[in-house]
Amino acid sequence: MGDQSHVADDLLELYSLDRLSADELVAVEEHLLVCRACQDRLKETDDFVRVMRAALVSVNVPWEELERQIRSREPPACSTAADQCSDGLPIRSGATQVW
């Protein structure tokens, strides 16, 4: 990570999940010390992970399954006809799923 680059999204996700190698951890943490934009992105990622962990506890879904979906960027199957995703959550009208 040079002066002009930022931490990649997948590395921020793995950092938030505490899944980086020792070398990756050092590089990401050094960059986060000086980059406000990546600090902000990490906060968003941490917030997302925290909410998803809380949701999993309430619906009794194993954390490993969520982590697999995050890492593979596999969205839940959604049907606009049913107005809900396979996870049972309603689709907001006009909402766009981004994975």
N, C-alpha and C. Protein backbone atom coordinates (compact mmCIF):
# COMPACT_ATOMS: atom_id res chain seq x y z
N MET A 1 0.85 -1.18 0.00
CA MET A 1 0.00 0.00 0.00
C MET A 1 0.88 1.23 0.00
N GLY A 2 0.95 1.91 -1.11
CA GLY A 2 1.74 3.12 -1.20
C GLY A 2 0.96 4.32 -0.71
N ASP A 3 1.56 5.50 -0.84
CA ASP A 3 0.92 6.72 -0.36
C ASP A 3 -0.39 7.01 -1.07
N GLN A 4 -0.52 6.64 -2.33
CA GLN A 4 -1.69 6.97 -3.13
C GLN A 4 -2.78 5.90 -3.07
N SER A 5 -2.49 4.74 -2.51
CA SER A 5 -3.47 3.67 -2.52
C SER A 5 -4.22 3.59 -1.20
N HIS A 6 -5.30 2.88 -1.22
CA HIS A 6 -6.11 2.64 -0.04
C HIS A 6 -6.24 1.15 0.18
N VAL A 7 -6.68 0.78 1.36
CA VAL A 7 -6.88 -0.62 1.69
C VAL A 7 -8.05 -1.15 0.86
N ALA A 8 -7.88 -2.29 0.23
CA ALA A 8 -8.93 -2.90 -0.58
C ALA A 8 -10.09 -3.31 0.33
N ASP A 9 -11.30 -3.28 -0.24
CA ASP A 9 -12.51 -3.64 0.53
C ASP A 9 -12.40 -5.02 1.15
N ASP A 10 -11.89 -5.99 0.40
CA ASP A 10 -11.82 -7.34 0.95
C ASP A 10 -10.86 -7.41 2.14
N LEU A 11 -9.79 -6.62 2.11
CA LEU A 11 -8.87 -6.60 3.26
C LEU A 11 -9.51 -5.94 4.47
N LEU A 12 -10.30 -4.89 4.24
CA LEU A 12 -11.01 -4.27 5.36
C LEU A 12 -12.01 -5.25 5.98
N GLU A 13 -12.69 -6.00 5.14
CA GLU A 13 -13.64 -6.99 5.64
C GLU A 13 -12.92 -8.06 6.46
N LEU A 14 -11.81 -8.56 5.94
CA LEU A 14 -11.05 -9.57 6.66
C LEU A 14 -10.46 -9.01 7.94
N TYR A 15 -10.05 -7.75 7.92
CA TYR A 15 -9.55 -7.09 9.13
C TYR A 15 -10.66 -7.03 10.17
N SER A 16 -11.84 -6.64 9.76
CA SER A 16 -12.97 -6.55 10.66
C SER A 16 -13.35 -7.91 11.23
N LEU A 17 -13.15 -8.95 10.44
CA LEU A 17 -13.46 -10.32 10.86
C LEU A 17 -12.29 -10.98 11.59
N ASP A 18 -11.19 -10.22 11.76
CA ASP A 18 -9.98 -10.73 12.42
C ASP A 18 -9.43 -11.95 11.69
N ARG A 19 -9.33 -11.83 10.36
CA ARG A 19 -8.89 -12.97 9.55
C ARG A 19 -7.66 -12.64 8.68
N LEU A 20 -6.91 -11.61 9.01
CA LEU A 20 -5.73 -11.27 8.22
C LEU A 20 -4.50 -12.02 8.72
N SER A 21 -3.57 -12.26 7.80
CA SER A 21 -2.28 -12.82 8.20
C SER A 21 -1.52 -11.74 8.97
N ALA A 22 -0.47 -12.13 9.64
CA ALA A 22 0.32 -11.18 10.42
C ALA A 22 0.87 -10.05 9.54
N ASP A 23 1.38 -10.39 8.36
CA ASP A 23 1.93 -9.38 7.45
C ASP A 23 0.85 -8.43 6.96
N GLU A 24 -0.32 -8.98 6.59
CA GLU A 24 -1.43 -8.14 6.13
C GLU A 24 -1.90 -7.23 7.26
N LEU A 25 -1.96 -7.76 8.46
CA LEU A 25 -2.41 -6.99 9.62
C LEU A 25 -1.51 -5.78 9.84
N VAL A 26 -0.22 -5.98 9.79
CA VAL A 26 0.72 -4.88 9.98
C VAL A 26 0.52 -3.82 8.90
N ALA A 27 0.43 -4.24 7.64
CA ALA A 27 0.29 -3.29 6.54
C ALA A 27 -1.02 -2.50 6.65
N VAL A 28 -2.12 -3.18 6.96
CA VAL A 28 -3.41 -2.51 7.07
C VAL A 28 -3.41 -1.54 8.24
N GLU A 29 -2.89 -1.96 9.39
CA GLU A 29 -2.89 -1.08 10.56
C GLU A 29 -2.00 0.14 10.36
N GLU A 30 -0.86 -0.04 9.68
CA GLU A 30 -0.01 1.12 9.38
C GLU A 30 -0.73 2.12 8.49
N HIS A 31 -1.44 1.62 7.50
CA HIS A 31 -2.18 2.50 6.60
C HIS A 31 -3.33 3.20 7.34
N LEU A 32 -4.03 2.45 8.18
CA LEU A 32 -5.16 3.03 8.92
C LEU A 32 -4.72 4.16 9.85
N LEU A 33 -3.48 4.13 10.31
CA LEU A 33 -2.98 5.20 11.18
C LEU A 33 -2.96 6.55 10.48
N VAL A 34 -2.81 6.55 9.16
CA VAL A 34 -2.63 7.82 8.45
C VAL A 34 -3.72 8.14 7.43
N CYS A 35 -4.66 7.23 7.21
CA CYS A 35 -5.66 7.44 6.16
C CYS A 35 -7.06 7.56 6.73
N ARG A 36 -7.58 8.76 6.74
CA ARG A 36 -8.93 9.01 7.28
C ARG A 36 -10.00 8.31 6.44
N ALA A 37 -9.83 8.28 5.12
CA ALA A 37 -10.83 7.65 4.25
C ALA A 37 -10.96 6.16 4.59
N CYS A 38 -9.85 5.48 4.78
CA CYS A 38 -9.90 4.05 5.11
C CYS A 38 -10.41 3.84 6.53
N GLN A 39 -10.12 4.75 7.44
CA GLN A 39 -10.67 4.67 8.79
C GLN A 39 -12.20 4.74 8.73
N ASP A 40 -12.71 5.66 7.91
CA ASP A 40 -14.17 5.79 7.76
C ASP A 40 -14.78 4.53 7.14
N ARG A 41 -14.11 3.99 6.11
CA ARG A 41 -14.60 2.76 5.47
C ARG A 41 -14.57 1.59 6.45
N LEU A 42 -13.53 1.53 7.29
CA LEU A 42 -13.44 0.46 8.28
C LEU A 42 -14.57 0.58 9.29
N LYS A 43 -14.90 1.80 9.71
CA LYS A 43 -16.00 1.98 10.65
C LYS A 43 -17.30 1.46 10.04
N GLU A 44 -17.55 1.76 8.77
CA GLU A 44 -18.75 1.25 8.09
C GLU A 44 -18.73 -0.28 8.04
N THR A 45 -17.58 -0.85 7.73
CA THR A 45 -17.46 -2.31 7.68
C THR A 45 -17.68 -2.92 9.06
N ASP A 46 -17.08 -2.33 10.08
CA ASP A 46 -17.27 -2.82 11.46
C ASP A 46 -18.73 -2.74 11.87
N ASP A 47 -19.38 -1.63 11.52
CA ASP A 47 -20.81 -1.47 11.84
C ASP A 47 -21.64 -2.56 11.17
N PHE A 48 -21.34 -2.83 9.91
CA PHE A 48 -22.06 -3.87 9.17
C PHE A 48 -21.86 -5.24 9.82
N VAL A 49 -20.63 -5.57 10.14
CA VAL A 49 -20.34 -6.87 10.76
C VAL A 49 -21.04 -6.98 12.10
N ARG A 50 -21.03 -5.91 12.90
CA ARG A 50 -21.69 -5.93 14.20
C ARG A 50 -23.20 -6.16 14.07
N VAL A 51 -23.83 -5.48 13.12
CA VAL A 51 -25.27 -5.64 12.89
C VAL A 51 -25.57 -7.06 12.40
N MET A 52 -24.76 -7.57 11.49
CA MET A 52 -24.99 -8.91 10.97
C MET A 52 -24.81 -9.96 12.06
N ARG A 53 -23.82 -9.79 12.92
CA ARG A 53 -23.63 -10.74 14.02
C ARG A 53 -24.84 -10.73 14.95
N ALA A 54 -25.35 -9.53 15.25
CA ALA A 54 -26.53 -9.43 16.12
C ALA A 54 -27.74 -10.07 15.46
N ALA A 55 -27.89 -9.87 14.15
CA ALA A 55 -29.02 -10.46 13.43
C ALA A 55 -28.92 -11.98 13.43
N LEU A 56 -27.71 -12.48 13.27
CA LEU A 56 -27.52 -13.94 13.26
C LEU A 56 -27.89 -14.56 14.60
N VAL A 57 -27.56 -13.88 15.67
CA VAL A 57 -27.91 -14.39 16.99
C VAL A 57 -29.42 -14.48 17.12
N SER A 58 -30.12 -13.46 16.60
CA SER A 58 -31.58 -13.44 16.75
C SER A 58 -32.28 -14.48 15.88
N VAL A 59 -31.66 -14.89 14.77
CA VAL A 59 -32.29 -15.90 13.91
C VAL A 59 -31.56 -17.24 13.95
N ASN A 60 -30.53 -17.32 14.80
CA ASN A 60 -29.81 -18.56 15.02
C ASN A 60 -29.15 -19.10 13.75
N VAL A 61 -28.47 -18.21 13.01
CA VAL A 61 -27.70 -18.61 11.83
C VAL A 61 -26.23 -18.65 12.24
N PRO A 62 -25.52 -19.70 11.91
CA PRO A 62 -24.10 -19.79 12.29
C PRO A 62 -23.28 -18.66 11.68
N TRP A 63 -22.39 -18.07 12.50
CA TRP A 63 -21.54 -16.98 12.03
C TRP A 63 -20.71 -17.42 10.83
N GLU A 64 -20.31 -18.67 10.79
CA GLU A 64 -19.50 -19.15 9.68
C GLU A 64 -20.23 -19.02 8.35
N GLU A 65 -21.55 -19.19 8.36
CA GLU A 65 -22.34 -19.05 7.13
C GLU A 65 -22.33 -17.61 6.64
N LEU A 66 -22.48 -16.66 7.56
CA LEU A 66 -22.42 -15.25 7.17
C LEU A 66 -21.04 -14.92 6.64
N GLU A 67 -20.02 -15.37 7.32
CA GLU A 67 -18.66 -15.09 6.88
C GLU A 67 -18.43 -15.66 5.47
N ARG A 68 -18.95 -16.86 5.21
CA ARG A 68 -18.82 -17.45 3.88
C ARG A 68 -19.48 -16.57 2.84
N GLN A 69 -20.67 -16.06 3.15
CA GLN A 69 -21.39 -15.21 2.21
C GLN A 69 -20.66 -13.89 2.00
N ILE A 70 -20.12 -13.31 3.06
CA ILE A 70 -19.38 -12.06 2.93
C ILE A 70 -18.15 -12.27 2.05
N ARG A 71 -17.41 -13.33 2.32
CA ARG A 71 -16.19 -13.58 1.56
C ARG A 71 -16.46 -13.91 0.11
N SER A 72 -17.57 -14.60 -0.17
CA SER A 72 -17.88 -14.96 -1.55
C SER A 72 -18.74 -13.91 -2.23
N ARG A 73 -19.19 -12.93 -1.45
CA ARG A 73 -20.08 -11.88 -1.94
C ARG A 73 -21.32 -12.49 -2.57
N GLU A 74 -21.81 -13.54 -1.97
CA GLU A 74 -22.97 -14.26 -2.47
C GLU A 74 -24.23 -13.66 -1.85
N PRO A 75 -25.05 -12.98 -2.65
CA PRO A 75 -26.26 -12.38 -2.09
C PRO A 75 -27.33 -13.43 -1.82
N PRO A 76 -28.23 -13.14 -0.89
CA PRO A 76 -29.35 -14.05 -0.71
C PRO A 76 -30.24 -14.04 -1.94
N ALA A 77 -30.86 -15.14 -2.25
CA ALA A 77 -31.75 -15.21 -3.41
C ALA A 77 -32.99 -14.37 -3.13
N CYS A 78 -33.29 -13.44 -4.01
CA CYS A 78 -34.43 -12.55 -3.82
C CYS A 78 -35.42 -12.69 -4.97
N SER A 79 -36.65 -12.52 -4.63
CA SER A 79 -37.70 -12.57 -5.63
C SER A 79 -38.52 -11.29 -5.52
N THR A 80 -38.56 -10.52 -6.60
CA THR A 80 -39.36 -9.31 -6.54
C THR A 80 -40.85 -9.64 -6.50
N ALA A 81 -41.22 -10.80 -7.01
CA ALA A 81 -42.63 -11.19 -6.96
C ALA A 81 -43.06 -11.44 -5.52
N ALA A 82 -42.19 -12.04 -4.74
CA ALA A 82 -42.53 -12.34 -3.35
C ALA A 82 -42.23 -11.15 -2.44
N ASP A 83 -41.51 -10.15 -2.96
CA ASP A 83 -41.12 -8.98 -2.18
C ASP A 83 -40.33 -9.34 -0.93
N GLN A 84 -39.60 -10.44 -0.99
CA GLN A 84 -38.71 -10.76 0.11
C GLN A 84 -37.57 -11.64 -0.37
N CYS A 85 -36.49 -11.63 0.40
CA CYS A 85 -35.32 -12.45 0.09
C CYS A 85 -35.48 -13.80 0.76
N SER A 86 -34.60 -14.72 0.37
CA SER A 86 -34.64 -16.04 0.97
C SER A 86 -34.35 -15.98 2.46
N ASP A 87 -33.76 -14.88 2.93
CA ASP A 87 -33.51 -14.76 4.36
C ASP A 87 -34.75 -14.28 5.10
N GLY A 88 -35.86 -14.07 4.36
CA GLY A 88 -37.12 -13.70 4.98
C GLY A 88 -37.31 -12.21 5.19
N LEU A 89 -36.30 -11.41 4.87
CA LEU A 89 -36.41 -9.97 5.06
C LEU A 89 -37.12 -9.34 3.88
N PRO A 90 -38.00 -8.37 4.13
CA PRO A 90 -38.70 -7.73 3.02
C PRO A 90 -37.75 -6.87 2.19
N ILE A 91 -38.06 -6.75 0.91
CA ILE A 91 -37.30 -5.87 0.03
C ILE A 91 -38.00 -4.52 0.05
N ARG A 92 -37.25 -3.47 0.36
CA ARG A 92 -37.84 -2.13 0.34
C ARG A 92 -38.08 -1.74 -1.11
N SER A 93 -39.19 -1.08 -1.36
CA SER A 93 -39.45 -0.66 -2.73
C SER A 93 -38.41 0.36 -3.14
N GLY A 94 -37.89 0.20 -4.34
CA GLY A 94 -36.87 1.10 -4.85
C GLY A 94 -35.47 0.79 -4.35
N ALA A 95 -35.33 -0.21 -3.50
CA ALA A 95 -34.02 -0.54 -2.96
C ALA A 95 -33.23 -1.35 -3.97
N THR A 96 -31.95 -1.17 -3.94
CA THR A 96 -31.07 -1.92 -4.82
C THR A 96 -30.12 -2.73 -3.96
N GLN A 97 -30.04 -4.01 -4.21
CA GLN A 97 -29.10 -4.85 -3.47
C GLN A 97 -27.71 -4.67 -4.07
N VAL A 98 -26.73 -4.42 -3.21
CA VAL A 98 -25.36 -4.30 -3.67
C VAL A 98 -24.54 -5.31 -2.90
N TRP A 99 -23.96 -6.26 -3.62
CA TRP A 99 -23.08 -7.25 -3.01
C TRP A 99 -21.80 -7.26 -3.72
